[in-house]
């Protein structure tokens, strides 16, 4: 994934100490350049409306993750508001302390972001902020958090997700409101049909097409040749067709009705195909769970690595952990390197292709875009995947929290959350909190 792109826009008023303002703006820019961030924006201080207009012209159309308005001196709110209204990216206000000399107030930077923040609040525009010295490297962490959240916002606005079939009966957790999703996030749901768009095309895929895919997968798992060849061909053909649809129609992820038709009509499981696509950063959810795929896309955009949608199926009382499991669609990149990576058949339907391994240990962030309340909310939390033998066949892992697992389960059940949550490796709770503010989403803290 590319570096985060930051627009750095320094504002000033000429009645203050401009040479000093230029010095601190350059110092702040040098701090940002020291991190793996791509900086764009004006080279000099902006001091009037014409400068703002030129900056907007230069930045409109650039894919920006965050606009950092650096208040080099006090200025009224008009320049900051004009930038925020013109640029389609979250706003971050930065003010700096200045020496208490007993003489002239050279910058008055803090009052500047105070004024700007009030104006943006009245206009209903979200912003983050910091009051910190221009050479203080701790600013990088906060700016990175907001930029990652900004990238997730931009990803949703530009995204298309493919919904293959419809959710099974009795799975209200996977119900869909496409118009509301479009209005709230900008994301488009593309409806695909199991028979015409998938099954008919998979049946036409020749073994010569899936053989290279099979050869590549055989280098990653230990027992592929033990599986029924026709069923494996069906699963790999599904992967091939979905990968092609994603490329041709610019679809960033799929929510797939994986049962019963894949088993009863195509004679194979969709799980292995979804695992392989998720490994390629095309996240997939089973049971046509669009909100689950949106959650995975959010986590993937923030973390820069794969995400996995899973059930919570049990409590391991001995280890005080929740058991995460799904049939076999976790990406292979999440496999514990100390365990064998295998493929297997579906536990109920006895057909391949499923991945089988325990999840690797490490800190994870989990989330769920939920509609349990009738409106969108974002449930978030963190935990630790601990190394343990597989709890069940397929892909599974144990997640341990900072509080008792049963308390976490009570929160999930008490809030009436959906049965799917999504995880990605790393600590990204602060990014999700920032994202929720950007999208005006209420938060539920699971842990």
Protein backbone atom coordinates (compact mmCIF):
# COMPACT_ATOMS: atom_id res chain seq x y z
CA UNK A 1 0.00 0.00 0.00
CA UNK A 2 1.25 3.49 -0.86
CA UNK A 3 2.43 5.95 1.77
CA UNK A 4 -0.19 8.17 3.34
CA UNK A 5 -0.62 11.40 1.40
CA UNK A 6 -0.71 14.60 3.48
CA UNK A 7 -1.56 18.08 2.22
CA UNK A 8 0.42 20.52 4.37
CA UNK A 9 -1.02 24.03 4.16
CA UNK A 10 0.63 26.72 6.37
CA UNK A 11 -1.50 29.78 7.12
CA UNK A 12 -0.34 33.16 8.39
CA UNK A 13 -1.28 36.82 8.64
CA UNK A 14 1.27 39.41 7.53
CA UNK A 15 0.76 41.59 10.62
CA UNK A 16 2.54 38.94 12.72
CA UNK A 17 6.22 37.91 12.66
CA UNK A 18 6.40 36.39 9.18
CA UNK A 19 10.11 35.40 9.24
CA UNK A 20 9.52 33.51 12.49
CA UNK A 21 6.31 31.97 11.09
CA UNK A 22 8.22 30.79 8.01
CA UNK A 23 10.88 29.26 10.24
CA UNK A 24 8.43 27.22 12.31
CA UNK A 25 6.41 26.17 9.23
CA UNK A 26 9.61 24.82 7.64
CA UNK A 27 10.44 23.00 10.88
CA UNK A 28 6.99 21.40 10.96
CA UNK A 29 7.28 20.34 7.32
CA UNK A 30 10.71 18.81 8.01
CA UNK A 31 9.17 16.82 10.87
CA UNK A 32 6.58 15.35 8.52
CA UNK A 33 9.16 14.64 5.83
CA UNK A 34 11.09 12.54 8.36
CA UNK A 35 8.23 9.99 8.36
CA UNK A 36 7.06 7.76 5.50
CA UNK A 37 4.48 10.35 4.41
CA UNK A 38 3.97 11.85 0.96
CA UNK A 39 3.65 15.63 1.34
CA UNK A 40 1.87 17.90 -1.12
CA UNK A 41 0.80 21.52 -0.83
CA UNK A 42 2.10 25.08 -1.22
CA UNK A 43 5.79 25.80 -0.74
CA UNK A 44 5.21 29.13 1.02
CA UNK A 45 2.93 30.57 3.67
CA UNK A 46 -0.61 31.36 2.56
CA UNK A 47 -1.69 34.78 3.77
CA UNK A 48 -4.82 35.65 1.79
CA UNK A 49 -7.82 34.35 -0.15
CA UNK A 50 -5.91 34.30 -3.46
CA UNK A 51 -3.33 31.99 -1.91
CA UNK A 52 -6.09 29.69 -0.70
CA UNK A 53 -7.66 29.67 -4.16
CA UNK A 54 -4.35 28.67 -5.76
CA UNK A 55 -3.75 25.94 -3.17
CA UNK A 56 -7.22 24.53 -3.80
CA UNK A 57 -6.63 24.48 -7.55
CA UNK A 58 -3.38 22.59 -7.03
CA UNK A 59 -4.89 20.06 -4.62
CA UNK A 60 -8.34 19.35 -6.09
CA UNK A 61 -8.23 15.96 -7.77
CA UNK A 62 -5.26 14.76 -5.70
CA UNK A 63 -6.06 11.71 -3.56
CA UNK A 64 -5.36 13.20 -0.13
CA UNK A 65 -5.70 11.26 3.11
CA UNK A 66 -5.47 14.30 5.42
CA UNK A 67 -5.22 18.09 5.10
CA UNK A 68 -2.94 19.53 7.79
CA UNK A 69 -3.71 23.21 8.26
CA UNK A 70 -0.65 24.54 10.03
CA UNK A 71 -1.48 27.74 11.86
CA UNK A 72 1.87 29.49 11.57
CA UNK A 73 0.29 32.64 12.98
CA UNK A 74 -3.15 33.78 13.98
CA UNK A 75 -5.56 34.24 11.11
CA UNK A 76 -9.31 34.55 10.95
CA UNK A 77 -11.28 31.42 10.12
CA UNK A 78 -12.05 32.24 6.49
CA UNK A 79 -8.96 30.58 4.98
CA UNK A 80 -9.28 27.39 7.04
CA UNK A 81 -13.01 27.15 6.28
CA UNK A 82 -12.46 27.69 2.56
CA UNK A 83 -9.88 24.91 2.47
CA UNK A 84 -12.09 22.53 4.44
CA UNK A 85 -15.10 23.15 2.20
CA UNK A 86 -13.16 22.80 -1.05
CA UNK A 87 -11.01 19.75 -0.33
CA UNK A 88 -12.56 16.30 0.01
CA UNK A 89 -10.39 15.09 2.89
CA UNK A 90 -10.44 15.31 6.69
CA UNK A 91 -8.97 18.42 8.32
CA UNK A 92 -6.27 18.49 10.99
CA UNK A 93 -5.42 21.77 12.75
CA UNK A 94 -1.92 22.29 14.12
CA UNK A 95 -0.96 25.13 16.45
CA UNK A 96 2.41 25.66 18.09
CA UNK A 97 3.52 27.06 21.46
CA UNK A 98 5.64 30.19 21.40
CA UNK A 99 8.12 31.62 23.93
CA UNK A 100 6.69 33.75 26.73
CA UNK A 101 9.03 36.71 26.19
CA UNK A 102 7.13 39.41 28.01
CA UNK A 103 7.19 41.29 24.70
CA UNK A 104 5.41 41.02 21.40
CA UNK A 105 3.03 38.11 20.72
CA UNK A 106 4.79 37.00 17.56
CA UNK A 107 2.47 34.21 16.35
CA UNK A 108 -0.75 33.74 18.36
CA UNK A 109 -1.05 30.34 16.67
CA UNK A 110 -3.22 28.72 19.34
CA UNK A 111 -5.90 31.38 19.08
CA UNK A 112 -5.90 30.77 15.34
CA UNK A 113 -6.91 27.12 15.58
CA UNK A 114 -9.40 28.00 18.31
CA UNK A 115 -11.12 30.35 15.89
CA UNK A 116 -10.90 27.86 13.01
CA UNK A 117 -12.18 24.98 15.13
CA UNK A 118 -15.24 26.94 16.19
CA UNK A 119 -16.03 27.90 12.59
CA UNK A 120 -15.63 24.32 11.37
CA UNK A 121 -17.84 23.03 14.18
CA UNK A 122 -20.58 25.49 13.28
CA UNK A 123 -20.27 24.37 9.65
CA UNK A 124 -20.58 20.69 10.66
CA UNK A 125 -17.05 19.86 9.45
CA UNK A 126 -15.04 17.33 11.43
CA UNK A 127 -11.45 18.14 12.37
CA UNK A 128 -8.62 16.81 14.48
CA UNK A 129 -6.11 19.06 16.18
CA UNK A 130 -2.84 19.24 18.04
CA UNK A 131 -0.98 21.93 20.01
CA UNK A 132 2.66 20.93 19.86
CA UNK A 133 6.09 22.23 18.90
CA UNK A 134 6.94 21.97 15.18
CA UNK A 135 9.92 19.67 15.80
CA UNK A 136 8.20 17.35 18.29
CA UNK A 137 8.19 13.92 16.64
CA UNK A 138 5.23 12.76 18.73
CA UNK A 139 3.01 14.71 16.33
CA UNK A 140 3.67 12.03 13.71
CA UNK A 141 1.69 9.40 15.60
CA UNK A 142 -1.42 11.55 15.83
CA UNK A 143 -1.24 12.74 12.23
CA UNK A 144 -0.70 9.16 11.06
CA UNK A 145 -3.75 7.99 13.02
CA UNK A 146 -5.96 10.64 11.40
CA UNK A 147 -4.48 10.07 7.96
CA UNK A 148 -5.14 6.33 8.15
CA UNK A 149 -8.73 7.07 9.13
CA UNK A 150 -8.92 9.58 6.29
CA UNK A 151 -7.69 6.95 3.85
CA UNK A 152 -10.43 4.60 5.04
CA UNK A 153 -13.01 7.34 4.41
CA UNK A 154 -11.66 7.90 0.92
CA UNK A 155 -11.58 4.16 0.23
CA UNK A 156 -15.26 3.84 1.14
CA UNK A 157 -16.23 6.83 -1.02
CA UNK A 158 -14.54 5.34 -4.07
CA UNK A 159 -15.45 1.68 -3.50
CA UNK A 160 -17.71 -0.81 -5.20
CA UNK A 161 -18.56 -4.10 -3.49
CA UNK A 162 -20.02 -7.09 -5.26
CA UNK A 163 -22.94 -8.80 -3.53
CA UNK A 164 -23.18 -12.31 -4.96
CA UNK A 165 -26.69 -13.64 -4.38
CA UNK A 166 -28.68 -12.75 -1.28
CA UNK A 167 -28.36 -13.48 2.41
CA UNK A 168 -29.84 -16.79 3.60
CA UNK A 169 -33.23 -16.77 5.32
CA UNK A 170 -32.97 -16.09 9.03
CA UNK A 171 -29.71 -14.16 8.67
CA UNK A 172 -30.95 -10.68 9.51
CA UNK A 173 -27.32 -9.91 10.38
CA UNK A 174 -26.66 -9.84 6.63
CA UNK A 175 -29.65 -7.76 5.49
CA UNK A 176 -28.79 -4.99 3.07
CA UNK A 177 -29.82 -1.33 2.70
CA UNK A 178 -27.88 -0.25 -0.40
CA UNK A 179 -29.36 3.24 -0.66
CA UNK A 180 -28.49 4.03 2.95
CA UNK A 181 -24.95 2.66 2.45
CA UNK A 182 -24.52 4.86 -0.62
CA UNK A 183 -25.86 7.95 1.13
CA UNK A 184 -23.81 7.46 4.28
CA UNK A 185 -20.48 6.21 2.94
CA UNK A 186 -20.52 6.82 -0.80
CA UNK A 187 -19.99 3.11 -1.38
CA UNK A 188 -21.80 1.36 -4.22
CA UNK A 189 -23.14 -2.18 -3.88
CA UNK A 190 -23.15 -4.06 -7.20
CA UNK A 191 -25.66 -6.91 -7.22
CA UNK A 192 -24.42 -10.09 -8.91
CA UNK A 193 -26.43 -13.25 -9.52
CA UNK A 194 -25.21 -16.68 -8.53
CA UNK A 195 -26.33 -18.45 -11.68
CA UNK A 196 -25.75 -15.97 -14.51
CA UNK A 197 -22.75 -14.08 -13.16
CA UNK A 198 -20.89 -16.84 -11.31
CA UNK A 199 -21.99 -20.45 -11.78
CA UNK A 200 -22.42 -20.36 -15.56
CA UNK A 201 -18.96 -18.82 -15.93
CA UNK A 202 -17.29 -21.16 -13.46
CA UNK A 203 -18.69 -24.17 -15.31
CA UNK A 204 -17.04 -22.86 -18.48
CA UNK A 205 -13.59 -22.55 -16.90
CA UNK A 206 -11.22 -25.17 -18.32
CA UNK A 207 -8.80 -27.20 -16.17
CA UNK A 208 -5.92 -25.66 -18.11
CA UNK A 209 -6.95 -22.31 -16.60
CA UNK A 210 -7.10 -23.50 -12.98
CA UNK A 211 -3.98 -25.68 -13.15
CA UNK A 212 -1.52 -22.77 -12.65
CA UNK A 213 -3.64 -21.56 -9.72
CA UNK A 214 -3.57 -25.07 -8.27
CA UNK A 215 0.19 -25.37 -8.74
CA UNK A 216 0.73 -22.08 -6.93
CA UNK A 217 -1.57 -23.05 -4.05
CA UNK A 218 0.12 -26.45 -3.75
CA UNK A 219 3.35 -24.67 -2.81
CA UNK A 220 1.58 -23.04 0.15
CA UNK A 221 -0.46 -25.92 1.58
CA UNK A 222 0.55 -29.48 2.30
CA UNK A 223 -2.23 -31.76 1.06
CA UNK A 224 -4.00 -30.27 -1.93
CA UNK A 225 -3.70 -33.47 -3.99
CA UNK A 226 -5.76 -35.34 -1.37
CA UNK A 227 -8.87 -33.33 -2.26
CA UNK A 228 -11.47 -34.28 -4.89
CA UNK A 229 -10.09 -32.85 -8.14
CA UNK A 230 -13.43 -31.79 -9.62
CA UNK A 231 -14.47 -29.93 -6.47
CA UNK A 232 -11.06 -28.25 -6.22
CA UNK A 233 -11.41 -27.17 -9.85
CA UNK A 234 -14.80 -25.62 -8.99
CA UNK A 235 -13.39 -23.65 -6.06
CA UNK A 236 -10.38 -22.47 -8.04
CA UNK A 237 -12.60 -21.64 -10.99
CA UNK A 238 -14.72 -19.52 -8.62
CA UNK A 239 -11.58 -17.70 -7.53
CA UNK A 240 -10.60 -17.11 -11.17
CA UNK A 241 -14.03 -15.73 -12.12
CA UNK A 242 -14.35 -13.48 -9.07
CA UNK A 243 -10.82 -12.17 -9.54
CA UNK A 244 -11.70 -11.32 -13.14
CA UNK A 245 -14.93 -9.57 -12.14
CA UNK A 246 -13.05 -7.53 -9.55
CA UNK A 247 -10.55 -6.38 -12.18
CA UNK A 248 -13.01 -5.77 -15.00
CA UNK A 249 -15.67 -3.98 -12.94
CA UNK A 250 -13.37 -2.29 -10.40
CA UNK A 251 -14.87 -4.12 -7.43
CA UNK A 252 -12.91 -3.89 -4.18
CA UNK A 253 -14.53 -6.78 -2.28
CA UNK A 254 -17.29 -9.39 -2.28
CA UNK A 255 -20.13 -10.51 -0.02
CA UNK A 256 -21.00 -14.00 -1.22
CA UNK A 257 -23.94 -16.30 -0.62
CA UNK A 258 -21.65 -19.26 -0.04
CA UNK A 259 -24.29 -21.88 0.86
CA UNK A 260 -26.21 -23.92 0.06
CA UNK A 261 -26.00 -23.38 -3.70
CA UNK A 262 -22.21 -23.64 -4.02
CA UNK A 263 -22.47 -27.12 -2.54
CA UNK A 264 -25.77 -28.28 -4.03
CA UNK A 265 -25.41 -26.84 -7.53
CA UNK A 266 -21.71 -26.24 -8.17
CA UNK A 267 -20.40 -29.15 -6.09
CA UNK A 268 -17.71 -27.23 -4.23
CA UNK A 269 -17.10 -24.73 -1.44
CA UNK A 270 -16.57 -21.01 -1.97
CA UNK A 271 -14.38 -20.72 1.15
CA UNK A 272 -11.02 -21.41 -0.49
CA UNK A 273 -11.71 -18.88 -3.25
CA UNK A 274 -12.64 -16.23 -0.69
CA UNK A 275 -9.49 -16.94 1.32
CA UNK A 276 -7.30 -16.46 -1.74
CA UNK A 277 -9.04 -13.23 -2.73
CA UNK A 278 -8.77 -11.82 0.79
CA UNK A 279 -5.07 -12.57 0.70
CA UNK A 280 -4.89 -10.38 -2.41
CA UNK A 281 -6.58 -7.50 -0.53
CA UNK A 282 -9.98 -8.18 -2.10
CA UNK A 283 -11.86 -8.86 1.15
CA UNK A 284 -14.67 -11.38 1.13
CA UNK A 285 -17.49 -12.18 3.53
CA UNK A 286 -19.69 -15.24 3.48
CA UNK A 287 -23.50 -15.34 3.73
CA UNK A 288 -23.72 -12.20 1.54
CA UNK A 289 -22.73 -10.04 4.52
CA UNK A 290 -22.12 -6.67 2.87
CA UNK A 291 -21.58 -4.80 6.15
CA UNK A 292 -19.04 -7.45 7.08
CA UNK A 293 -17.10 -6.81 3.88
CA UNK A 294 -17.32 -3.05 4.46
CA UNK A 295 -15.82 -3.63 7.92
CA UNK A 296 -13.00 -5.68 6.42
CA UNK A 297 -12.38 -2.97 3.82
CA UNK A 298 -12.15 -0.37 6.60
CA UNK A 299 -9.68 -2.46 8.62
CA UNK A 300 -7.65 -3.28 5.52
CA UNK A 301 -7.47 0.40 4.50
CA UNK A 302 -6.31 1.42 7.96
CA UNK A 303 -3.81 -1.37 8.59
CA UNK A 304 -2.48 -1.92 5.09
CA UNK A 305 -2.82 -5.67 5.61
CA UNK A 306 -5.44 -8.38 5.25
CA UNK A 307 -8.67 -8.58 7.23
CA UNK A 308 -10.78 -11.61 8.12
CA UNK A 309 -14.50 -11.93 8.92
CA UNK A 310 -15.25 -14.54 11.54
CA UNK A 311 -17.81 -15.99 13.93
CA UNK A 312 -17.44 -16.15 17.71
CA UNK A 313 -18.37 -19.73 18.53
CA UNK A 314 -17.24 -20.59 22.06
CA UNK A 315 -15.48 -19.50 25.23
CA UNK A 316 -12.25 -21.26 26.18
CA UNK A 317 -12.63 -21.04 29.95
CA UNK A 318 -9.21 -22.48 30.68
CA UNK A 319 -7.45 -19.74 28.68
CA UNK A 320 -10.12 -17.06 29.31
CA UNK A 321 -10.44 -16.42 25.58
CA UNK A 322 -13.11 -16.33 22.90
CA UNK A 323 -12.90 -18.83 20.06
CA UNK A 324 -12.95 -17.26 16.60
CA UNK A 325 -13.84 -19.65 13.78
CA UNK A 326 -15.02 -19.87 10.25
CA UNK A 327 -15.30 -22.76 7.86
CA UNK A 328 -12.06 -22.03 6.02
CA UNK A 329 -11.93 -18.59 4.42
CA UNK A 330 -9.24 -16.85 6.49
CA UNK A 331 -6.35 -15.58 4.33
CA UNK A 332 -3.28 -17.81 4.43
CA UNK A 333 -1.19 -14.81 5.49
CA UNK A 334 -2.87 -15.09 8.90
CA UNK A 335 -1.72 -18.69 9.48
CA UNK A 336 0.49 -19.50 12.46
CA UNK A 337 3.96 -20.08 10.96
CA UNK A 338 4.59 -22.82 13.52
CA UNK A 339 1.59 -24.86 12.31
CA UNK A 340 0.94 -26.78 9.14
CA UNK A 341 -1.16 -25.04 6.51
CA UNK A 342 -3.60 -27.53 5.05
CA UNK A 343 -6.75 -27.64 2.98
CA UNK A 344 -9.84 -29.58 3.94
CA UNK A 345 -13.51 -30.28 3.23
CA UNK A 346 -16.46 -28.43 4.72
CA UNK A 347 -17.39 -29.98 8.06
CA UNK A 348 -21.10 -30.21 7.23
CA UNK A 349 -21.11 -30.59 3.45
CA UNK A 350 -17.94 -32.68 3.06
CA UNK A 351 -16.76 -30.82 -0.04
CA UNK A 352 -13.56 -28.83 -0.64
CA UNK A 353 -11.96 -26.34 -0.88
CA UNK A 354 -11.33 -24.85 2.57
CA UNK A 355 -8.17 -23.59 4.23
CA UNK A 356 -7.24 -25.18 7.55
CA UNK A 357 -4.88 -23.64 10.11
CA UNK A 358 -4.82 -21.82 13.46
CA UNK A 359 -4.43 -18.05 13.41
CA UNK A 360 -0.97 -16.66 14.14
CA UNK A 361 -0.40 -15.03 17.53
CA UNK A 362 -0.32 -11.25 17.78
CA UNK A 363 -2.25 -8.14 18.68
CA UNK A 364 -5.42 -7.62 16.64
CA UNK A 365 -8.00 -4.91 16.19
CA UNK A 366 -11.56 -6.04 15.60
CA UNK A 367 -14.63 -4.17 14.43
CA UNK A 368 -18.14 -4.47 13.09
CA UNK A 369 -20.21 -1.98 11.10
CA UNK A 370 -23.47 -2.79 12.82
CA UNK A 371 -27.13 -2.02 12.23
CA UNK A 372 -28.35 -3.61 15.45
CA UNK A 373 -29.98 -0.32 16.50
CA UNK A 374 -31.58 0.29 13.10
CA UNK A 375 -28.91 2.83 12.18
CA UNK A 376 -25.20 2.45 11.52
CA UNK A 377 -22.89 2.16 14.51
CA UNK A 378 -19.28 1.02 14.71
CA UNK A 379 -18.36 -1.61 17.29
CA UNK A 380 -14.62 -1.77 18.01
CA UNK A 381 -12.12 -3.48 20.29
CA UNK A 382 -8.66 -4.95 20.64
CA UNK A 383 -7.32 -8.29 21.78
CA UNK A 384 -4.47 -10.74 21.49
CA UNK A 385 -4.53 -13.88 19.38
CA UNK A 386 -2.75 -16.46 21.52
CA UNK A 387 -0.99 -19.52 20.18
CA UNK A 388 -3.03 -22.67 20.73
CA UNK A 389 -4.01 -25.86 18.93
CA UNK A 390 -6.92 -25.55 16.52
CA UNK A 391 -10.23 -25.40 18.34
CA UNK A 392 -12.19 -26.76 15.39
CA UNK A 393 -11.56 -27.76 11.77
CA UNK A 394 -11.18 -24.98 9.22
CA UNK A 395 -9.67 -21.68 10.37
CA UNK A 396 -9.82 -20.76 14.04
CA UNK A 397 -8.03 -18.83 16.75
CA UNK A 398 -8.23 -17.79 20.38
CA UNK A 399 -8.57 -14.11 21.19
CA UNK A 400 -7.77 -12.91 24.70
CA UNK A 401 -8.84 -9.52 26.03
CA UNK A 402 -7.81 -7.15 28.80
CA UNK A 403 -10.96 -8.16 30.66
CA UNK A 404 -12.65 -11.54 31.14
CA UNK A 405 -13.82 -13.11 27.88
CA UNK A 406 -17.29 -13.73 29.29
CA UNK A 407 -17.67 -9.97 29.93
CA UNK A 408 -16.80 -9.25 26.30
CA UNK A 409 -19.33 -11.85 25.19
CA UNK A 410 -21.98 -10.26 27.40
CA UNK A 411 -21.32 -6.90 25.70
CA UNK A 412 -21.70 -8.44 22.24
CA UNK A 413 -24.89 -10.28 23.13
CA UNK A 414 -26.28 -7.45 25.24
CA UNK A 415 -25.87 -4.98 22.38
CA UNK A 416 -27.45 -7.44 19.95
CA UNK A 417 -24.52 -7.21 17.55
CA UNK A 418 -24.20 -9.24 14.37
CA UNK A 419 -22.63 -12.70 14.48
CA UNK A 420 -19.71 -11.70 12.25
CA UNK A 421 -16.81 -9.55 13.43
CA UNK A 422 -13.70 -8.68 11.43
CA UNK A 423 -10.09 -8.62 12.55
CA UNK A 424 -6.78 -7.29 11.30
CA UNK A 425 -3.37 -7.55 12.93
CA UNK A 426 -2.03 -4.50 14.77
CA UNK A 427 -3.27 -1.77 17.11
CA UNK A 428 -5.68 0.49 15.25
CA UNK A 429 -8.35 1.34 17.81
CA UNK A 430 -7.48 5.05 17.76
CA UNK A 431 -7.83 5.10 13.97
CA UNK A 432 -11.30 3.57 14.27
CA UNK A 433 -12.29 6.16 16.87
CA UNK A 434 -11.14 8.93 14.51
CA UNK A 435 -12.97 7.30 11.59
CA UNK A 436 -16.20 7.10 13.59
CA UNK A 437 -15.95 10.83 14.27
CA UNK A 438 -15.31 11.55 10.58
CA UNK A 439 -18.34 9.51 9.55
CA UNK A 440 -20.52 10.59 12.48
CA UNK A 441 -20.90 6.99 13.61
CA UNK A 442 -21.79 6.17 17.22
CA UNK A 443 -19.26 3.86 18.85
CA UNK A 444 -19.70 0.68 20.85
CA UNK A 445 -16.56 -0.33 22.74
CA UNK A 446 -16.52 -4.12 22.94
CA UNK A 447 -13.24 -4.23 24.84
